[in-house]
């Protein structure tokens, strides 16, 4: 039976042909990133295109979305065409390496929900393994491309597991990117932080740290999570 699409307030995401499904990480990143009002946005490893669509909803920016997996790229393109913002959304089926090697466009915002399974057991399904492991998009390569494509006052937003976020931060700062903000993500009260959204720029700013708990002890979504995602989820009022 085909997988049901994920319906948001202003758009629908089909993800049955994508290696990575719509999940909480993507929704958190898409909700937290400041898309600005105009300019250009780049989504690296767009998958179904959900983050790109979220940012399109809140801006007038032109959005380029890069995806290495052909089936995922094809479905993301269909999701873009079926959205209210199809005239300013572009899907590029390519590795990020090939993309940044031949382009010199400057982006005001770059978002990435990157591969994060370092040296771990790979999935027996090659397409899913490609999406979830960093063999094809290592930190160094991602940061090299971001430095080339990020506008002078632009920002990079990434979401990572806590331990990987520490490693990524060190490498980013070594490459000349400055950590401006972070959001620590806790699944429930009493549980350790398991995800972090990191925000980097090319210049040093006053550092700001935020925190969110996704669910309450009774399993319901917290007010902070509802407030952050209310422009997207059908069940939350904005």
C-alpha atoms as a PDB file:
ATOM      1  CA  UNK A   1       0.000   0.000   0.000  1.00  0.00           C
ATOM      2  CA  UNK A   2       1.447   3.418  -0.936  1.00  0.00           C
ATOM      3  CA  UNK A   3       2.653   5.535   1.973  1.00  0.00           C
ATOM      4  CA  UNK A   4       0.294   8.359   2.892  1.00  0.00           C
ATOM      5  CA  UNK A   5       1.451  11.899   2.069  1.00  0.00           C
ATOM      6  CA  UNK A   6       2.346  14.298   4.871  1.00  0.00           C
ATOM      7  CA  UNK A   7      -0.149  17.170   4.871  1.00  0.00           C
ATOM      8  CA  UNK A   8       0.785  20.582   6.207  1.00  0.00           C
ATOM      9  CA  UNK A   9      -1.365  23.711   6.384  1.00  0.00           C
ATOM     10  CA  UNK A  10      -0.339  25.125   3.011  1.00  0.00           C
ATOM     11  CA  UNK A  11       1.256  22.203   1.158  1.00  0.00           C
ATOM     12  CA  UNK A  12       1.439  18.423   0.911  1.00  0.00           C
ATOM     13  CA  UNK A  13       4.586  16.303   0.806  1.00  0.00           C
ATOM     14  CA  UNK A  14       4.612  12.912  -0.908  1.00  0.00           C
ATOM     15  CA  UNK A  15       7.584  10.905   0.336  1.00  0.00           C
ATOM     16  CA  UNK A  16       6.891   7.276  -0.590  1.00  0.00           C
ATOM     17  CA  UNK A  17       9.687   7.274  -3.205  1.00  0.00           C
ATOM     18  CA  UNK A  18      12.204   9.123  -1.037  1.00  0.00           C
ATOM     19  CA  UNK A  19      15.055   7.492   0.852  1.00  0.00           C
ATOM     20  CA  UNK A  20      14.388   9.646   3.926  1.00  0.00           C
ATOM     21  CA  UNK A  21      10.836  10.272   5.083  1.00  0.00           C
ATOM     22  CA  UNK A  22       9.406  13.442   6.596  1.00  0.00           C
ATOM     23  CA  UNK A  23      10.445  13.449  10.236  1.00  0.00           C
ATOM     24  CA  UNK A  24      10.761  15.587  13.338  1.00  0.00           C
ATOM     25  CA  UNK A  25      14.335  16.673  12.536  1.00  0.00           C
ATOM     26  CA  UNK A  26      13.305  18.176   9.206  1.00  0.00           C
ATOM     27  CA  UNK A  27      10.257  19.901  10.692  1.00  0.00           C
ATOM     28  CA  UNK A  28      12.337  21.374  13.521  1.00  0.00           C
ATOM     29  CA  UNK A  29      15.007  22.672  11.147  1.00  0.00           C
ATOM     30  CA  UNK A  30      12.478  24.095   8.695  1.00  0.00           C
ATOM     31  CA  UNK A  31      10.595  25.810  11.520  1.00  0.00           C
ATOM     32  CA  UNK A  32      13.668  27.242  13.243  1.00  0.00           C
ATOM     33  CA  UNK A  33      15.587  28.547  10.218  1.00  0.00           C
ATOM     34  CA  UNK A  34      15.107  32.248   9.530  1.00  0.00           C
ATOM     35  CA  UNK A  35      14.293  32.258   5.830  1.00  0.00           C
ATOM     36  CA  UNK A  36      14.413  36.026   5.436  1.00  0.00           C
ATOM     37  CA  UNK A  37      11.985  37.842   3.174  1.00  0.00           C
ATOM     38  CA  UNK A  38      13.836  37.530  -0.121  1.00  0.00           C
ATOM     39  CA  UNK A  39      17.153  36.504  -1.633  1.00  0.00           C
ATOM     40  CA  UNK A  40      18.296  32.948  -2.327  1.00  0.00           C
ATOM     41  CA  UNK A  41      18.088  29.796  -0.212  1.00  0.00           C
ATOM     42  CA  UNK A  42      19.933  26.497  -0.725  1.00  0.00           C
ATOM     43  CA  UNK A  43      18.697  23.181   0.731  1.00  0.00           C
ATOM     44  CA  UNK A  44      21.458  20.553   0.656  1.00  0.00           C
ATOM     45  CA  UNK A  45      20.157  16.975   0.518  1.00  0.00           C
ATOM     46  CA  UNK A  46      16.529  18.021   0.211  1.00  0.00           C
ATOM     47  CA  UNK A  47      15.028  14.501   0.201  1.00  0.00           C
ATOM     48  CA  UNK A  48      11.274  15.002  -0.230  1.00  0.00           C
ATOM     49  CA  UNK A  49      11.745  18.784  -0.311  1.00  0.00           C
ATOM     50  CA  UNK A  50       9.933  19.370   2.983  1.00  0.00           C
ATOM     51  CA  UNK A  51      12.428  21.883   4.434  1.00  0.00           C
ATOM     52  CA  UNK A  52      12.586  23.816   1.160  1.00  0.00           C
ATOM     53  CA  UNK A  53       8.782  23.998   1.085  1.00  0.00           C
ATOM     54  CA  UNK A  54       8.620  25.191   4.686  1.00  0.00           C
ATOM     55  CA  UNK A  55      11.049  28.008   3.913  1.00  0.00           C
ATOM     56  CA  UNK A  56       9.185  28.894   0.716  1.00  0.00           C
ATOM     57  CA  UNK A  57       5.996  29.308   2.740  1.00  0.00           C
ATOM     58  CA  UNK A  58       7.636  31.935   4.977  1.00  0.00           C
ATOM     59  CA  UNK A  59       9.573  33.921   2.385  1.00  0.00           C
ATOM     60  CA  UNK A  60       9.687  35.247  -1.146  1.00  0.00           C
ATOM     61  CA  UNK A  61      13.118  33.740  -1.758  1.00  0.00           C
ATOM     62  CA  UNK A  62      14.222  31.712  -4.757  1.00  0.00           C
ATOM     63  CA  UNK A  63      15.057  28.237  -3.449  1.00  0.00           C
ATOM     64  CA  UNK A  64      17.499  25.736  -4.954  1.00  0.00           C
ATOM     65  CA  UNK A  65      17.314  22.187  -3.578  1.00  0.00           C
ATOM     66  CA  UNK A  66      20.111  19.672  -4.254  1.00  0.00           C
ATOM     67  CA  UNK A  67      19.475  15.932  -3.982  1.00  0.00           C
ATOM     68  CA  UNK A  68      21.818  13.121  -5.062  1.00  0.00           C
ATOM     69  CA  UNK A  69      19.207  10.321  -5.226  1.00  0.00           C
ATOM     70  CA  UNK A  70      17.289  10.471  -8.559  1.00  0.00           C
ATOM     71  CA  UNK A  71      13.997   9.058  -7.221  1.00  0.00           C
ATOM     72  CA  UNK A  72      13.997  11.411  -4.241  1.00  0.00           C
ATOM     73  CA  UNK A  73      14.865  14.351  -6.504  1.00  0.00           C
ATOM     74  CA  UNK A  74      12.037  13.446  -8.869  1.00  0.00           C
ATOM     75  CA  UNK A  75       9.502  13.301  -6.043  1.00  0.00           C
ATOM     76  CA  UNK A  76      10.774  16.541  -4.494  1.00  0.00           C
ATOM     77  CA  UNK A  77      10.332  18.189  -7.893  1.00  0.00           C
ATOM     78  CA  UNK A  78       6.740  16.949  -8.025  1.00  0.00           C
ATOM     79  CA  UNK A  79       6.096  18.284  -4.521  1.00  0.00           C
ATOM     80  CA  UNK A  80       7.469  21.665  -5.606  1.00  0.00           C
ATOM     81  CA  UNK A  81       5.281  21.739  -8.738  1.00  0.00           C
ATOM     82  CA  UNK A  82       2.190  21.006  -6.661  1.00  0.00           C
ATOM     83  CA  UNK A  83       2.933  23.802  -4.184  1.00  0.00           C
ATOM     84  CA  UNK A  84       1.853  27.467  -4.296  1.00  0.00           C
ATOM     85  CA  UNK A  85       5.514  28.493  -4.751  1.00  0.00           C
ATOM     86  CA  UNK A  86       6.474  26.372  -7.767  1.00  0.00           C
ATOM     87  CA  UNK A  87       7.751  29.354  -9.804  1.00  0.00           C
ATOM     88  CA  UNK A  88      10.617  29.990  -7.378  1.00  0.00           C
ATOM     89  CA  UNK A  89      11.601  26.435  -6.411  1.00  0.00           C
ATOM     90  CA  UNK A  90      14.256  24.472  -8.298  1.00  0.00           C
ATOM     91  CA  UNK A  91      15.337  20.862  -7.848  1.00  0.00           C
ATOM     92  CA  UNK A  92      18.869  19.865  -8.884  1.00  0.00           C
ATOM     93  CA  UNK A  93      19.711  16.155  -9.045  1.00  0.00           C
ATOM     94  CA  UNK A  94      23.407  16.186  -8.197  1.00  0.00           C
ATOM     95  CA  UNK A  95      25.931  15.490  -5.492  1.00  0.00           C
ATOM     96  CA  UNK A  96      26.696  18.587  -3.451  1.00  0.00           C
ATOM     97  CA  UNK A  97      30.344  18.235  -4.510  1.00  0.00           C
ATOM     98  CA  UNK A  98      29.471  18.506  -8.200  1.00  0.00           C
ATOM     99  CA  UNK A  99      27.056  21.347  -7.470  1.00  0.00           C
ATOM    100  CA  UNK A 100      29.433  23.641  -5.616  1.00  0.00           C
ATOM    101  CA  UNK A 101      32.333  22.869  -7.944  1.00  0.00           C
ATOM    102  CA  UNK A 102      30.498  24.400 -10.912  1.00  0.00           C
ATOM    103  CA  UNK A 103      28.385  27.100  -9.215  1.00  0.00           C
ATOM    104  CA  UNK A 104      29.373  30.381  -7.600  1.00  0.00           C
ATOM    105  CA  UNK A 105      25.899  31.597  -6.605  1.00  0.00           C
ATOM    106  CA  UNK A 106      25.773  33.280  -3.210  1.00  0.00           C
ATOM    107  CA  UNK A 107      22.990  32.182  -0.857  1.00  0.00           C
ATOM    108  CA  UNK A 108      21.513  34.168   2.028  1.00  0.00           C
ATOM    109  CA  UNK A 109      20.457  30.975   3.818  1.00  0.00           C
ATOM    110  CA  UNK A 110      21.812  27.430   3.495  1.00  0.00           C
ATOM    111  CA  UNK A 111      20.051  24.573   5.296  1.00  0.00           C
ATOM    112  CA  UNK A 112      21.147  20.977   5.640  1.00  0.00           C
ATOM    113  CA  UNK A 113      19.883  17.925   7.489  1.00  0.00           C
ATOM    114  CA  UNK A 114      23.154  16.068   6.840  1.00  0.00           C
ATOM    115  CA  UNK A 115      24.160  12.401   6.954  1.00  0.00           C
ATOM    116  CA  UNK A 116      25.262  11.593  10.481  1.00  0.00           C
ATOM    117  CA  UNK A 117      25.887   7.860  10.884  1.00  0.00           C
ATOM    118  CA  UNK A 118      29.684   7.961  11.261  1.00  0.00           C
ATOM    119  CA  UNK A 119      31.407   4.563  10.921  1.00  0.00           C
ATOM    120  CA  UNK A 120      28.209   2.721  11.760  1.00  0.00           C
ATOM    121  CA  UNK A 121      26.554  -0.343  10.291  1.00  0.00           C
ATOM    122  CA  UNK A 122      25.050   0.531   6.931  1.00  0.00           C
ATOM    123  CA  UNK A 123      21.553  -0.248   5.786  1.00  0.00           C
ATOM    124  CA  UNK A 124      21.238  -3.210   3.387  1.00  0.00           C
ATOM    125  CA  UNK A 125      19.280  -0.849   1.129  1.00  0.00           C
ATOM    126  CA  UNK A 126      21.824   1.174  -0.891  1.00  0.00           C
ATOM    127  CA  UNK A 127      19.616   4.256  -1.437  1.00  0.00           C
ATOM    128  CA  UNK A 128      18.864   4.628   2.283  1.00  0.00           C
ATOM    129  CA  UNK A 129      22.509   4.039   3.166  1.00  0.00           C
ATOM    130  CA  UNK A 130      23.492   6.783   0.724  1.00  0.00           C
ATOM    131  CA  UNK A 131      21.120   9.218   2.398  1.00  0.00           C
ATOM    132  CA  UNK A 132      22.044   8.421   6.007  1.00  0.00           C
ATOM    133  CA  UNK A 133      25.834   7.937   5.921  1.00  0.00           C
ATOM    134  CA  UNK A 134      28.417  10.637   5.453  1.00  0.00           C
ATOM    135  CA  UNK A 135      30.590   8.666   3.008  1.00  0.00           C
ATOM    136  CA  UNK A 136      29.304  10.755   0.094  1.00  0.00           C
ATOM    137  CA  UNK A 137      29.077  14.074   1.977  1.00  0.00           C
ATOM    138  CA  UNK A 138      31.704  14.431   4.690  1.00  0.00           C
ATOM    139  CA  UNK A 139      31.880  17.381   7.038  1.00  0.00           C
ATOM    140  CA  UNK A 140      34.932  18.842   5.328  1.00  0.00           C
ATOM    141  CA  UNK A 141      33.322  18.714   1.907  1.00  0.00           C
ATOM    142  CA  UNK A 142      30.060  20.185   3.191  1.00  0.00           C
ATOM    143  CA  UNK A 143      31.916  23.046   4.889  1.00  0.00           C
ATOM    144  CA  UNK A 144      34.089  23.725   1.831  1.00  0.00           C
ATOM    145  CA  UNK A 145      31.004  24.072  -0.337  1.00  0.00           C
ATOM    146  CA  UNK A 146      29.168  26.201   2.213  1.00  0.00           C
ATOM    147  CA  UNK A 147      32.087  28.636   2.527  1.00  0.00           C
ATOM    148  CA  UNK A 148      32.124  29.065  -1.244  1.00  0.00           C
ATOM    149  CA  UNK A 149      28.372  29.590  -1.610  1.00  0.00           C
ATOM    150  CA  UNK A 150      27.400  31.474   1.555  1.00  0.00           C
ATOM    151  CA  UNK A 151      26.768  35.203   1.169  1.00  0.00           C
ATOM    152  CA  UNK A 152      28.784  37.584   3.347  1.00  0.00           C
ATOM    153  CA  UNK A 153      25.975  37.975   5.880  1.00  0.00           C
ATOM    154  CA  UNK A 154      24.426  34.586   5.135  1.00  0.00           C
ATOM    155  CA  UNK A 155      23.717  31.801   7.634  1.00  0.00           C
ATOM    156  CA  UNK A 156      24.122  28.019   7.608  1.00  0.00           C
ATOM    157  CA  UNK A 157      21.560  25.964   9.577  1.00  0.00           C
ATOM    158  CA  UNK A 158      22.202  22.284  10.322  1.00  0.00           C
ATOM    159  CA  UNK A 159      20.576  19.753  12.664  1.00  0.00           C
ATOM    160  CA  UNK A 160      22.626  16.903  14.139  1.00  0.00           C
ATOM    161  CA  UNK A 161      22.661  14.425  17.024  1.00  0.00           C
ATOM    162  CA  UNK A 162      24.324  15.929  20.091  1.00  0.00           C
ATOM    163  CA  UNK A 163      27.735  14.186  19.851  1.00  0.00           C
ATOM    164  CA  UNK A 164      28.019  14.763  16.108  1.00  0.00           C
ATOM    165  CA  UNK A 165      27.108  18.426  16.630  1.00  0.00           C
ATOM    166  CA  UNK A 166      30.191  18.892  18.822  1.00  0.00           C
ATOM    167  CA  UNK A 167      32.455  17.371  16.172  1.00  0.00           C
ATOM    168  CA  UNK A 168      30.828  19.430  13.427  1.00  0.00           C
ATOM    169  CA  UNK A 169      31.190  22.670  15.411  1.00  0.00           C
ATOM    170  CA  UNK A 170      34.909  22.128  15.909  1.00  0.00           C
ATOM    171  CA  UNK A 171      35.450  21.446  12.210  1.00  0.00           C
ATOM    172  CA  UNK A 172      33.304  24.394  11.157  1.00  0.00           C
ATOM    173  CA  UNK A 173      35.213  26.808  13.365  1.00  0.00           C
ATOM    174  CA  UNK A 174      38.507  25.389  12.076  1.00  0.00           C
ATOM    175  CA  UNK A 175      37.264  26.189   8.561  1.00  0.00           C
ATOM    176  CA  UNK A 176      36.515  29.799   9.504  1.00  0.00           C
ATOM    177  CA  UNK A 177      32.792  29.573  10.224  1.00  0.00           C
ATOM    178  CA  UNK A 178      31.534  31.063  13.478  1.00  0.00           C
ATOM    179  CA  UNK A 179      28.835  29.490  15.649  1.00  0.00           C
ATOM    180  CA  UNK A 180      26.238  32.219  16.183  1.00  0.00           C
ATOM    181  CA  UNK A 181      23.329  30.282  17.673  1.00  0.00           C
ATOM    182  CA  UNK A 182      22.256  26.855  18.791  1.00  0.00           C
ATOM    183  CA  UNK A 183      19.017  25.225  19.831  1.00  0.00           C
ATOM    184  CA  UNK A 184      19.287  22.236  22.165  1.00  0.00           C
ATOM    185  CA  UNK A 185      16.478  19.716  21.573  1.00  0.00           C
ATOM    186  CA  UNK A 186      15.228  17.474  24.372  1.00  0.00           C
ATOM    187  CA  UNK A 187      12.714  14.729  23.515  1.00  0.00           C
ATOM    188  CA  UNK A 188      10.998  14.746  26.957  1.00  0.00           C
ATOM    189  CA  UNK A 189      11.626  16.151  30.448  1.00  0.00           C
ATOM    190  CA  UNK A 190      14.355  14.178  32.199  1.00  0.00           C
ATOM    191  CA  UNK A 191      15.774  12.872  28.921  1.00  0.00           C
ATOM    192  CA  UNK A 192      19.178  14.073  27.654  1.00  0.00           C
ATOM    193  CA  UNK A 193      19.463  16.476  24.735  1.00  0.00           C
ATOM    194  CA  UNK A 194      19.592  14.307  21.602  1.00  0.00           C
ATOM    195  CA  UNK A 195      19.555  16.839  18.761  1.00  0.00           C
ATOM    196  CA  UNK A 196      21.058  20.287  18.216  1.00  0.00           C
ATOM    197  CA  UNK A 197      20.368  22.913  15.564  1.00  0.00           C
ATOM    198  CA  UNK A 198      23.546  24.891  14.849  1.00  0.00           C
ATOM    199  CA  UNK A 199      23.673  28.278  13.103  1.00  0.00           C
ATOM    200  CA  UNK A 200      26.943  29.445  11.547  1.00  0.00           C
ATOM    201  CA  UNK A 201      28.032  32.621   9.781  1.00  0.00           C
ATOM    202  CA  UNK A 202      31.175  34.012   8.184  1.00  0.00           C
ATOM    203  CA  UNK A 203      31.550  36.642  10.910  1.00  0.00           C
ATOM    204  CA  UNK A 204      31.530  36.411  14.676  1.00  0.00           C
ATOM    205  CA  UNK A 205      28.327  37.479  16.436  1.00  0.00           C
ATOM    206  CA  UNK A 206      27.136  37.409  20.012  1.00  0.00           C
ATOM    207  CA  UNK A 207      26.413  33.752  20.756  1.00  0.00           C
ATOM    208  CA  UNK A 208      22.870  32.755  21.714  1.00  0.00           C
ATOM    209  CA  UNK A 209      21.711  29.360  23.007  1.00  0.00           C
ATOM    210  CA  UNK A 210      18.084  28.223  23.079  1.00  0.00           C
ATOM    211  CA  UNK A 211      16.358  25.067  24.303  1.00  0.00           C
ATOM    212  CA  UNK A 212      13.173  23.208  23.439  1.00  0.00           C
ATOM    213  CA  UNK A 213      11.475  20.102  24.836  1.00  0.00           C
ATOM    214  CA  UNK A 214       9.338  18.339  22.222  1.00  0.00           C
ATOM    215  CA  UNK A 215       6.925  16.364  24.415  1.00  0.00           C
ATOM    216  CA  UNK A 216       5.655  16.589  27.959  1.00  0.00           C
ATOM    217  CA  UNK A 217       5.829  13.699  30.421  1.00  0.00           C
ATOM    218  CA  UNK A 218       2.305  12.648  29.401  1.00  0.00           C
ATOM    219  CA  UNK A 219       3.395  12.358  25.769  1.00  0.00           C
ATOM    220  CA  UNK A 220       1.607  15.470  24.492  1.00  0.00           C
ATOM    221  CA  UNK A 221       3.495  18.081  22.525  1.00  0.00           C
ATOM    222  CA  UNK A 222       4.888  20.946  24.603  1.00  0.00           C
ATOM    223  CA  UNK A 223       3.648  24.511  24.146  1.00  0.00           C
ATOM    224  CA  UNK A 224       7.114  25.547  22.920  1.00  0.00           C
ATOM    225  CA  UNK A 225       7.058  22.888  20.199  1.00  0.00           C
ATOM    226  CA  UNK A 226       3.525  23.876  19.159  1.00  0.00           C
ATOM    227  CA  UNK A 227       4.560  27.531  19.003  1.00  0.00           C
ATOM    228  CA  UNK A 228       7.625  26.752  16.890  1.00  0.00           C
ATOM    229  CA  UNK A 229       5.771  24.550  14.375  1.00  0.00           C
ATOM    230  CA  UNK A 230       2.291  26.108  14.417  1.00  0.00           C
ATOM    231  CA  UNK A 231       2.560  27.601  10.921  1.00  0.00           C
ATOM    232  CA  UNK A 232       2.834  24.092   9.471  1.00  0.00           C
ATOM    233  CA  UNK A 233       1.078  21.404  11.474  1.00  0.00           C
ATOM    234  CA  UNK A 234      -2.645  21.119  10.821  1.00  0.00           C
ATOM    235  CA  UNK A 235      -3.468  20.462  14.485  1.00  0.00           C
ATOM    236  CA  UNK A 236      -1.653  23.512  15.882  1.00  0.00           C
ATOM    237  CA  UNK A 237      -3.132  27.016  15.930  1.00  0.00           C
ATOM    238  CA  UNK A 238      -1.003  30.007  14.964  1.00  0.00           C
END
